[in-house]
Protein backbone atom coordinates (compact mmCIF):
# COMPACT_ATOMS: atom_id res chain seq x y z
CA UNK A 1 -5.37 -20.02 25.02
CA UNK A 2 -5.50 -21.07 21.18
CA UNK A 3 -9.35 -21.54 21.63
CA UNK A 4 -9.83 -17.99 22.58
CA UNK A 5 -7.59 -16.63 20.16
CA UNK A 6 -9.53 -18.63 17.33
CA UNK A 7 -12.98 -16.84 18.83
CA UNK A 8 -11.25 -13.42 18.76
CA UNK A 9 -10.35 -13.94 15.10
CA UNK A 10 -13.65 -15.55 14.19
CA UNK A 11 -15.24 -12.62 15.62
CA UNK A 12 -12.94 -10.05 14.27
CA UNK A 13 -13.49 -11.48 10.75
CA UNK A 14 -17.13 -11.37 11.12
CA UNK A 15 -17.12 -7.85 12.23
CA UNK A 16 -14.92 -7.01 9.25
CA UNK A 17 -16.96 -8.92 6.84
CA UNK A 18 -20.36 -6.94 8.24
CA UNK A 19 -18.90 -3.70 8.13
CA UNK A 20 -17.62 -4.60 3.99
CA UNK A 21 -21.40 -5.65 3.60
CA UNK A 22 -22.87 -2.50 5.26
CA UNK A 23 -20.26 -0.52 3.17
CA UNK A 24 -19.99 -2.28 -0.22
CA UNK A 25 -18.54 1.28 -1.85
CA UNK A 26 -15.16 0.77 0.12
CA UNK A 27 -13.83 -1.67 -2.67
CA UNK A 28 -14.66 1.07 -5.18
CA UNK A 29 -13.45 4.18 -3.08
CA UNK A 30 -9.91 2.50 -2.16
CA UNK A 31 -8.88 2.48 -5.85
CA UNK A 32 -7.19 5.06 -7.65
CA UNK A 33 -8.25 6.88 -10.48
CA UNK A 34 -6.52 4.88 -13.09
CA UNK A 35 -7.77 1.42 -11.28
CA UNK A 36 -11.21 2.95 -11.42
CA UNK A 37 -11.20 3.43 -15.02
CA UNK A 38 -9.46 0.22 -15.63
CA UNK A 39 -12.31 -1.50 -13.63
CA UNK A 40 -15.39 0.46 -15.20
CA UNK A 41 -13.46 -0.59 -18.78
CA UNK A 42 -13.58 -4.21 -17.54
CA UNK A 43 -16.89 -4.50 -16.26
CA UNK A 44 -18.09 -2.72 -19.89
CA UNK A 45 -16.44 -5.16 -21.74
CA UNK A 46 -17.49 -8.11 -20.05
CA UNK A 47 -20.99 -7.13 -20.45
CA UNK A 48 -20.56 -7.12 -24.40
CA UNK A 49 -20.68 -11.04 -24.61
CA UNK A 50 -23.75 -11.29 -21.94
CA UNK A 51 -25.34 -8.57 -23.87
CA UNK A 52 -24.79 -10.79 -27.37
CA UNK A 53 -25.87 -13.92 -25.58
CA UNK A 54 -29.07 -12.20 -24.12
CA UNK A 55 -30.17 -10.64 -27.67
CA UNK A 56 -29.21 -13.85 -29.53
CA UNK A 57 -31.46 -16.03 -27.18
CA UNK A 58 -34.30 -13.41 -27.80
CA UNK A 59 -34.16 -13.69 -31.34
CA UNK A 60 -34.12 -17.74 -31.01
CA UNK A 61 -37.10 -17.57 -28.84
CA UNK A 62 -39.88 -18.46 -31.79
CA UNK A 63 -37.40 -21.17 -33.13
CA UNK A 64 -38.25 -24.64 -32.29
CA UNK A 65 -35.74 -26.15 -29.67
CA UNK A 66 -34.38 -28.76 -32.43
CA UNK A 67 -33.36 -26.09 -34.83
CA UNK A 68 -32.10 -23.62 -31.77
CA UNK A 69 -30.06 -25.86 -30.08
CA UNK A 70 -26.92 -25.89 -32.69
CA UNK A 71 -27.08 -22.05 -32.82
CA UNK A 72 -27.26 -21.84 -28.98
CA UNK A 73 -24.32 -24.16 -28.43
CA UNK A 74 -22.17 -22.04 -31.02
CA UNK A 75 -23.42 -19.02 -29.02
CA UNK A 76 -22.13 -20.20 -25.97
CA UNK A 77 -18.80 -21.16 -27.00
CA UNK A 78 -18.51 -17.96 -28.48
CA UNK A 79 -19.48 -15.98 -25.46
CA UNK A 80 -17.04 -18.05 -23.19
CA UNK A 81 -14.15 -17.27 -25.41
CA UNK A 82 -15.46 -13.51 -25.50
CA UNK A 83 -15.22 -13.21 -21.92
CA UNK A 84 -11.70 -15.10 -21.47
CA UNK A 85 -10.60 -12.71 -24.75
CA UNK A 86 -11.55 -9.50 -22.91
CA UNK A 87 -9.74 -10.32 -19.61
CA UNK A 88 -6.54 -11.24 -21.60
CA UNK A 89 -6.78 -8.50 -24.01
CA UNK A 90 -7.20 -6.15 -21.44
CA UNK A 91 -4.38 -7.35 -19.77
CA UNK A 92 -2.62 -6.90 -22.87
CA UNK A 93 -3.33 -3.48 -23.13
CA UNK A 94 -2.08 -3.07 -19.28
CA UNK A 95 1.41 -4.52 -20.27
CA UNK A 96 0.77 -7.16 -18.06
CA UNK A 97 1.08 -10.39 -20.17
CA UNK A 98 1.59 -11.07 -24.02
CA UNK A 99 -0.79 -10.55 -26.70
CA UNK A 100 -3.32 -13.28 -26.94
CA UNK A 101 -2.84 -14.16 -30.62
CA UNK A 102 -4.61 -17.89 -30.37
CA UNK A 103 -7.37 -16.76 -28.37
CA UNK A 104 -7.92 -13.83 -30.77
CA UNK A 105 -7.74 -16.03 -33.85
CA UNK A 106 -10.24 -19.08 -32.18
CA UNK A 107 -12.50 -16.15 -31.36
CA UNK A 108 -12.88 -14.81 -34.80
CA UNK A 109 -13.07 -18.58 -36.25
CA UNK A 110 -15.81 -19.25 -34.00
CA UNK A 111 -17.72 -16.23 -34.97
CA UNK A 112 -17.76 -16.97 -38.63
CA UNK A 113 -18.48 -20.76 -37.61
CA UNK A 114 -21.53 -19.27 -35.49
CA UNK A 115 -22.79 -17.45 -38.27
CA UNK A 116 -22.67 -20.11 -40.94
CA UNK A 117 -24.19 -22.74 -38.45
CA UNK A 118 -27.10 -20.08 -38.31
CA UNK A 119 -27.43 -19.33 -41.89
CA UNK A 120 -27.38 -23.12 -42.69
CA UNK A 121 -29.80 -24.53 -39.69
CA UNK A 122 -32.25 -21.56 -39.87
CA UNK A 123 -32.52 -20.79 -43.68
CA UNK A 124 -30.65 -23.40 -45.67
CA UNK A 125 -31.43 -26.84 -44.78
CA UNK A 126 -35.03 -26.31 -44.14
CA UNK A 127 -37.70 -26.49 -46.73
CA UNK A 128 -39.91 -23.62 -46.89
CA UNK A 129 -38.29 -21.80 -43.56
CA UNK A 130 -41.04 -19.61 -42.33
CA UNK A 131 -40.53 -15.80 -41.53
CA UNK A 132 -39.68 -16.24 -37.81
CA UNK A 133 -36.38 -18.63 -38.87
CA UNK A 134 -35.24 -15.39 -41.23
CA UNK A 135 -35.76 -13.10 -38.39
CA UNK A 136 -33.56 -15.19 -36.00
CA UNK A 137 -30.96 -15.93 -38.45
CA UNK A 138 -30.52 -12.18 -39.30
CA UNK A 139 -30.11 -11.30 -35.38
CA UNK A 140 -27.64 -14.42 -34.65
CA UNK A 141 -25.61 -14.00 -37.99
CA UNK A 142 -25.11 -10.38 -37.47
CA UNK A 143 -24.18 -10.75 -33.65
CA UNK A 144 -21.76 -13.24 -34.53
CA UNK A 145 -19.83 -11.11 -36.61
CA UNK A 146 -20.08 -7.83 -35.14
CA UNK A 147 -19.07 -8.92 -31.56
CA UNK A 148 -15.97 -11.04 -33.39
CA UNK A 149 -14.67 -7.85 -34.73
CA UNK A 150 -15.87 -5.39 -31.73
CA UNK A 151 -14.21 -7.47 -29.45
CA UNK A 152 -11.54 -8.80 -31.40
CA UNK A 153 -10.05 -5.41 -31.63
CA UNK A 154 -8.94 -5.32 -28.33
CA UNK A 155 -6.31 -7.43 -29.18
CA UNK A 156 -5.06 -5.36 -32.19
CA UNK A 157 -2.03 -2.97 -32.09
CA UNK A 158 -3.37 -0.07 -34.39
CA UNK A 159 -6.54 1.53 -35.89
CA UNK A 160 -5.23 0.34 -39.48
CA UNK A 161 -5.48 -3.04 -38.28
CA UNK A 162 -9.21 -2.25 -36.46
CA UNK A 163 -10.20 -1.28 -39.97
CA UNK A 164 -9.10 -4.04 -41.73
CA UNK A 165 -11.03 -6.35 -39.35
CA UNK A 166 -13.85 -4.39 -39.97
CA UNK A 167 -13.53 -4.68 -43.25
CA UNK A 168 -12.57 -8.58 -43.34
CA UNK A 169 -15.91 -8.98 -40.92
CA UNK A 170 -18.05 -7.33 -43.63
CA UNK A 171 -16.72 -9.10 -46.72
CA UNK A 172 -16.44 -12.29 -45.10
CA UNK A 173 -19.85 -12.10 -44.08
CA UNK A 174 -21.05 -11.42 -47.34
CA UNK A 175 -19.14 -13.96 -49.03
CA UNK A 176 -20.65 -16.30 -46.45
CA UNK A 177 -24.26 -15.17 -46.93
CA UNK A 178 -23.99 -15.26 -50.57
CA UNK A 179 -23.08 -18.92 -50.51
CA UNK A 180 -26.00 -19.94 -47.94
CA UNK A 181 -28.52 -17.28 -48.57
CA UNK A 182 -30.09 -15.40 -51.39
CA UNK A 183 -28.40 -12.31 -52.78
CA UNK A 184 -30.48 -9.55 -51.43
CA UNK A 185 -30.39 -11.10 -48.11
CA UNK A 186 -26.67 -11.65 -48.48
CA UNK A 187 -26.22 -7.91 -49.02
CA UNK A 188 -28.23 -6.71 -46.28
CA UNK A 189 -26.56 -8.86 -43.68
CA UNK A 190 -23.45 -7.32 -44.93
CA UNK A 191 -24.45 -3.98 -44.55
CA UNK A 192 -25.86 -4.68 -41.07
CA UNK A 193 -22.69 -6.17 -40.17
CA UNK A 194 -20.63 -3.30 -41.50
CA UNK A 195 -22.73 -0.80 -39.32
CA UNK A 196 -22.82 -3.15 -36.13
CA UNK A 197 -19.34 -4.12 -36.48
CA UNK A 198 -17.81 -0.52 -37.46
CA UNK A 199 -19.79 1.03 -34.22
CA UNK A 200 -18.70 -1.69 -31.75
CA UNK A 201 -14.96 -1.41 -32.92
CA UNK A 202 -15.20 2.79 -32.76
CA UNK A 203 -16.42 2.32 -29.00
CA UNK A 204 -13.83 -0.43 -28.52
CA UNK A 205 -11.01 1.51 -29.90
CA UNK A 206 -11.83 4.48 -27.79
CA UNK A 207 -12.43 2.94 -24.50
CA UNK A 208 -8.91 1.65 -25.13
CA UNK A 209 -7.19 4.90 -25.92
CA UNK A 210 -8.71 6.22 -23.31
CA UNK A 211 -7.65 3.91 -20.90
CA UNK A 212 -4.19 3.86 -22.01
CA UNK A 213 -4.30 8.07 -21.57
CA UNK A 214 -5.35 7.35 -18.06
CA UNK A 215 -2.29 4.81 -17.45
CA UNK A 216 0.15 7.52 -19.31
CA UNK A 217 -1.32 10.33 -16.90
CA UNK A 218 -1.29 8.24 -13.76
CA UNK A 219 2.57 7.19 -14.49
CA UNK A 220 3.28 10.92 -15.11
CA UNK A 221 1.65 12.02 -11.77
CA UNK A 222 3.76 9.14 -10.14
CA UNK A 223 7.03 10.45 -11.97
CA UNK A 224 6.41 14.10 -10.62
CA UNK A 225 5.99 12.94 -7.03
CA UNK A 226 9.21 10.80 -7.35
CA UNK A 227 10.99 13.83 -8.85
CA UNK A 228 9.84 15.57 -6.27
CA UNK A 229 11.33 13.29 -3.59
CA UNK A 230 14.63 13.41 -5.73
CA UNK A 231 14.63 17.17 -5.78
CA UNK A 232 14.26 17.33 -1.99
CA UNK A 233 17.06 14.68 -1.39
CA UNK A 234 19.47 16.57 -3.76
CA UNK A 235 18.93 19.64 -1.90
CA UNK A 236 19.41 17.90 1.53
CA UNK A 237 22.84 16.66 -0.32
CA UNK A 238 23.85 20.09 -1.34
CA UNK A 239 23.45 21.58 2.01
CA UNK A 240 25.51 18.62 3.81
CA UNK A 241 27.82 19.13 1.14
CA UNK A 242 28.10 23.00 1.90
CA UNK A 243 28.24 22.26 5.71
CA UNK A 244 30.96 19.65 5.40
CA UNK A 245 33.05 20.12 2.45
CA UNK A 246 34.99 23.11 3.68
CA UNK A 247 35.50 21.65 7.27
CA UNK A 248 36.46 18.00 5.85
CA UNK A 249 39.11 19.72 3.51
CA UNK A 250 40.64 21.59 6.36
CA UNK A 251 40.63 18.55 8.60
CA UNK A 252 42.49 16.99 5.83
CA UNK A 253 45.25 19.59 5.49
CA UNK A 254 45.70 19.87 9.35
CA UNK A 255 45.90 16.20 9.84
CA UNK A 256 48.80 16.07 7.09
CA UNK A 257 50.46 18.66 8.83
CA UNK A 258 50.06 17.32 12.04
CA UNK A 259 51.60 14.21 10.79
CA UNK A 260 54.68 15.86 9.64
CA UNK A 261 55.24 17.84 12.73
CA UNK A 262 54.86 14.69 14.76
CA UNK A 263 57.76 12.79 12.63
CA UNK A 264 60.02 15.84 13.14
CA UNK A 265 58.94 15.46 17.08
CA UNK A 266 58.02 19.29 17.09
CA UNK A 267 55.36 20.29 19.76
CA UNK A 268 53.15 22.06 17.45
CA UNK A 269 51.49 18.40 16.14
CA UNK A 270 49.65 18.63 19.55
CA UNK A 271 47.99 22.17 18.52
CA UNK A 272 47.30 21.23 14.72
CA UNK A 273 45.58 17.88 16.30
CA UNK A 274 43.62 20.12 18.88
CA UNK A 275 42.43 22.20 16.13
CA UNK A 276 41.37 19.06 13.91
CA UNK A 277 39.16 17.96 17.14
CA UNK A 278 38.00 21.51 17.33
CA UNK A 279 36.41 21.41 13.77
CA UNK A 280 35.32 18.10 13.53
CA UNK A 281 33.02 19.11 16.84
CA UNK A 282 31.90 22.17 15.00
CA UNK A 283 31.13 19.98 11.83
CA UNK A 284 29.30 17.53 14.00
CA UNK A 285 27.36 20.66 15.44
CA UNK A 286 26.43 21.92 12.27
CA UNK A 287 25.49 18.74 10.48
CA UNK A 288 23.11 18.09 13.72
CA UNK A 289 21.50 21.79 12.98
CA UNK A 290 20.86 20.60 9.34
CA UNK A 291 19.05 17.61 10.19
CA UNK A 292 17.42 19.25 13.03
CA UNK A 293 16.36 21.80 10.21
CA UNK A 294 14.53 19.33 8.30
CA UNK A 295 13.22 17.53 11.16
CA UNK A 296 11.34 21.14 12.39
CA UNK A 297 11.12 22.76 9.06
CA UNK A 298 9.39 26.25 9.02
CA UNK A 299 5.71 26.76 8.90
CA UNK A 300 6.30 28.29 5.45
CA UNK A 301 8.26 25.66 3.80
CA UNK A 302 5.85 22.82 4.93
CA UNK A 303 2.77 24.80 3.50
CA UNK A 304 4.35 25.14 0.41
CA UNK A 305 5.74 21.56 0.35
CA UNK A 306 2.23 20.27 0.96
CA UNK A 307 0.69 22.05 -1.82
CA UNK A 308 3.51 20.91 -4.23
CA UNK A 309 3.24 17.31 -3.09
CA UNK A 310 -0.43 17.35 -3.44
CA UNK A 311 -0.81 18.83 -6.99
CA UNK A 312 2.03 16.22 -8.16
CA UNK A 313 -0.42 13.64 -6.63
CA UNK A 314 -3.24 15.64 -8.96
CA UNK A 315 -5.08 16.72 -5.95
CA UNK A 316 -6.35 20.25 -5.89
CA UNK A 317 -5.13 22.22 -3.26
CA UNK A 318 -5.76 25.71 -1.77
CA UNK A 319 -3.62 27.16 1.04
CA UNK A 320 -5.11 30.00 2.80
CA UNK A 321 -3.11 32.22 5.41
CA UNK A 322 0.28 32.91 6.30
CA UNK A 323 2.23 32.11 9.42
CA UNK A 324 3.51 35.86 9.56
CA UNK A 325 4.43 36.75 13.09
CA UNK A 326 3.73 33.17 15.03
CA UNK A 327 6.46 32.13 17.47
CA UNK A 328 9.00 29.65 16.25
CA UNK A 329 7.46 26.89 18.86
CA UNK A 330 3.92 27.45 17.36
CA UNK A 331 5.02 27.31 13.70
CA UNK A 332 7.19 24.12 14.51
CA UNK A 333 3.99 22.37 16.18
CA UNK A 334 1.59 23.39 13.23
CA UNK A 335 4.44 22.17 10.64
CA UNK A 336 4.11 18.50 12.25
CA UNK A 337 0.30 18.88 11.93
CA UNK A 338 0.64 19.91 8.31
CA UNK A 339 2.98 16.97 7.55
CA UNK A 340 0.98 14.35 9.25
CA UNK A 341 -2.03 15.71 7.55
CA UNK A 342 -0.85 15.68 4.00
CA UNK A 343 0.39 12.05 4.56
CA UNK A 344 -3.04 11.07 5.79
CA UNK A 345 -4.38 12.79 2.64
CA UNK A 346 -2.01 10.70 0.34
CA UNK A 347 -2.36 7.44 2.15
CA UNK A 348 -6.09 6.94 2.73
CA UNK A 349 -9.26 7.54 0.80
CA UNK A 350 -9.20 9.02 -2.83
CA UNK A 351 -9.05 12.92 -2.51
CA UNK A 352 -9.49 15.35 -5.40
CA UNK A 353 -9.42 18.58 -3.27
CA UNK A 354 -8.14 19.50 -0.12
CA UNK A 355 -8.17 22.73 1.66
CA UNK A 356 -5.66 24.10 4.17
CA UNK A 357 -6.34 27.27 6.31
CA UNK A 358 -4.61 29.18 8.79
CA UNK A 359 -5.79 31.50 10.70
CA UNK A 360 -5.13 33.66 13.96
CA UNK A 361 -8.00 34.21 16.56
CA UNK A 362 -7.35 37.29 18.53
CA UNK A 363 -7.37 37.33 22.03
CA UNK A 364 -10.67 38.53 23.93
CA UNK A 365 -9.92 41.58 25.71
CA UNK A 366 -13.07 40.94 27.97
CA UNK A 367 -11.56 37.52 29.10
CA UNK A 368 -8.48 37.69 30.89
CA UNK A 369 -5.96 34.80 30.49
CA UNK A 370 -7.15 34.15 26.94
CA UNK A 371 -4.57 34.48 24.65
CA UNK A 372 -4.42 34.34 20.55
CA UNK A 373 -5.25 31.07 19.16
CA UNK A 374 -3.46 30.09 15.83
CA UNK A 375 -5.88 27.60 14.05
CA UNK A 376 -4.72 25.25 11.45
CA UNK A 377 -7.85 23.41 9.41
CA UNK A 378 -6.91 20.62 7.02
CA UNK A 379 -10.29 19.18 5.24
CA UNK A 380 -10.02 16.78 2.51
CA UNK A 381 -12.76 14.95 0.22
CA UNK A 382 -12.50 11.16 -1.11
CA UNK A 383 -12.93 9.31 2.50
CA UNK A 384 -15.66 6.60 2.03
CA UNK A 385 -15.80 6.24 5.32
CA UNK A 386 -14.67 8.79 7.69
CA UNK A 387 -13.88 7.68 11.18
CA UNK A 388 -14.50 9.88 14.21
CA UNK A 389 -10.60 10.51 14.55
CA UNK A 390 -11.11 10.66 18.53
CA UNK A 391 -8.67 7.85 19.04
CA UNK A 392 -6.75 7.94 15.64
CA UNK A 393 -3.62 6.04 15.00
CA UNK A 394 -0.13 6.50 16.06
CA UNK A 395 -0.05 9.70 13.84
CA UNK A 396 -2.76 11.57 15.45
CA UNK A 397 -1.75 10.31 19.16
CA UNK A 398 1.74 11.83 18.26
CA UNK A 399 0.38 14.98 16.97
CA UNK A 400 -1.56 15.33 20.17
CA UNK A 401 1.61 14.94 22.36
CA UNK A 402 3.35 17.57 20.26
CA UNK A 403 0.41 20.11 20.67
CA UNK A 404 0.08 19.43 24.38
CA UNK A 405 3.46 20.46 24.98
CA UNK A 406 2.52 24.27 23.39
CA UNK A 407 -1.13 23.56 25.27
CA UNK A 408 -2.61 23.04 21.82
CA UNK A 409 -5.52 20.74 21.22
CA UNK A 410 -6.48 18.46 18.11
CA UNK A 411 -9.79 17.37 16.69
CA UNK A 412 -10.23 15.01 13.88
CA UNK A 413 -13.43 13.87 12.70
CA UNK A 414 -15.97 13.38 9.62
CA UNK A 415 -17.05 16.89 8.00
CA UNK A 416 -20.34 15.80 5.76
CA UNK A 417 -20.26 13.15 3.41
CA UNK A 418 -17.10 11.72 2.35
CA UNK A 419 -15.13 14.44 4.13
CA UNK A 420 -12.53 14.59 6.61
CA UNK A 421 -11.38 17.54 8.76
CA UNK A 422 -8.55 17.84 10.98
CA UNK A 423 -8.48 21.16 13.10
CA UNK A 424 -5.41 22.15 15.41
CA UNK A 425 -5.22 24.95 17.91
CA UNK A 426 -1.94 26.39 19.69
CA UNK A 427 -2.42 29.35 21.96
CA UNK A 428 0.03 32.33 21.19
CA UNK A 429 0.67 34.49 24.26
CA UNK A 430 0.45 37.88 23.93
CA UNK A 431 4.01 38.56 25.44
CA UNK A 432 5.64 36.38 22.55
CA UNK A 433 6.79 38.15 19.68
CA UNK A 434 7.95 36.51 16.16
CA UNK A 435 11.33 35.79 17.78
CA UNK A 436 12.09 33.96 14.76
CA UNK A 437 14.00 37.12 13.63
CA UNK A 438 15.10 37.33 9.92
CA UNK A 439 14.03 34.33 8.10
CA UNK A 440 16.59 32.01 6.32
CA UNK A 441 16.88 32.27 2.50
CA UNK A 442 15.03 29.20 1.97
CA UNK A 443 12.03 30.16 4.25
CA UNK A 444 12.36 33.64 2.88
CA UNK A 445 11.98 32.06 -0.71
CA UNK A 446 9.03 29.70 0.38
CA UNK A 447 7.28 32.39 1.96
CA UNK A 448 7.21 34.66 -1.32
CA UNK A 449 6.16 31.76 -3.20
CA UNK A 450 3.32 30.73 -0.65
CA UNK A 451 2.22 34.48 -0.86
């Protein structure tokens, strides 16, 4: 038994791995908007040290290995520190760790040390260095200082600190160049450092600002969703209070009266306790009706709630059609479809748009026994790999059972690239009218807001 289970697990794991290889976009598609922006920012900033390494090595290509090795060694250390600083600084921006002060100082110090090594090895120490040495010195010198500033600002709090970092890199580079290089060369290197460090700093600060804005928007979206849930709970509690408040007060008064009558051995105590029992049973019935009303919500309320929840989640939702005139059983069945469909939209994929359409296909007078059909369509995008939905999970299976009780059908499956469509059809008998009567206050308000 164990061997068979191991083989089955291995086969399942292999199938999953092959599916992931065939669909590499699933890892990206499962991420939310904030996670995608963070991943893109991380990848971009981690490419900065790699670009520095490649550019500097290309600058050192004409230089002999004996002169290039010290500079390449300092460059490699600087790149490794830059990669570590990038990851830790972005974690600090996301609020996951403390600010990496020591690593920041080490990275900046390594940048100045690398620039000094480049100037010493390539220009200062050699006697009459060739022009290729000057070119390699300019490239590596500016790269050390510019990237030290451009990536170092990731761990700084304010824009003023970033401007100070640019000024320090420029002035420090000029001082270092003045001590090791001719004055015109030092001035040119300082100007190049100012432009390069300023550009990288501007790009870094803008990217951090954008990432923080996305974090705040994502937090606001989750807060809106939590507030919507809290408001629904308050409404439910208010309804229960309205139902039970008066009855419990009457029960308390009549129980107290029954106790007093019983102490006096009055026969009216039995009548009072019977009245208490009746009120308690009535309260139990009313509570069940309240709960049943929430479990079998009107289709108006479900459509309005679906639009509100999806909008709170940052998903553009359009609702067309109204369930006016549909019988209660048909509305209840389609309301369950709306609930399950919205849950799937929120839980699976990364939808940006969702369309909910309710139509009534009239009966065909030429075909006897073919009644009108209420058709509900829910379609959303952002599905990285839409399954055919023929079997579905427990939710879709439960919906099919509910619709089957009303002779309805359910279809679910892909609708083009990265889209999923769910269609529920429930027949509406011709002899049935909307027996719902006058809708309640909550349903009527939902109908008016939906229309």
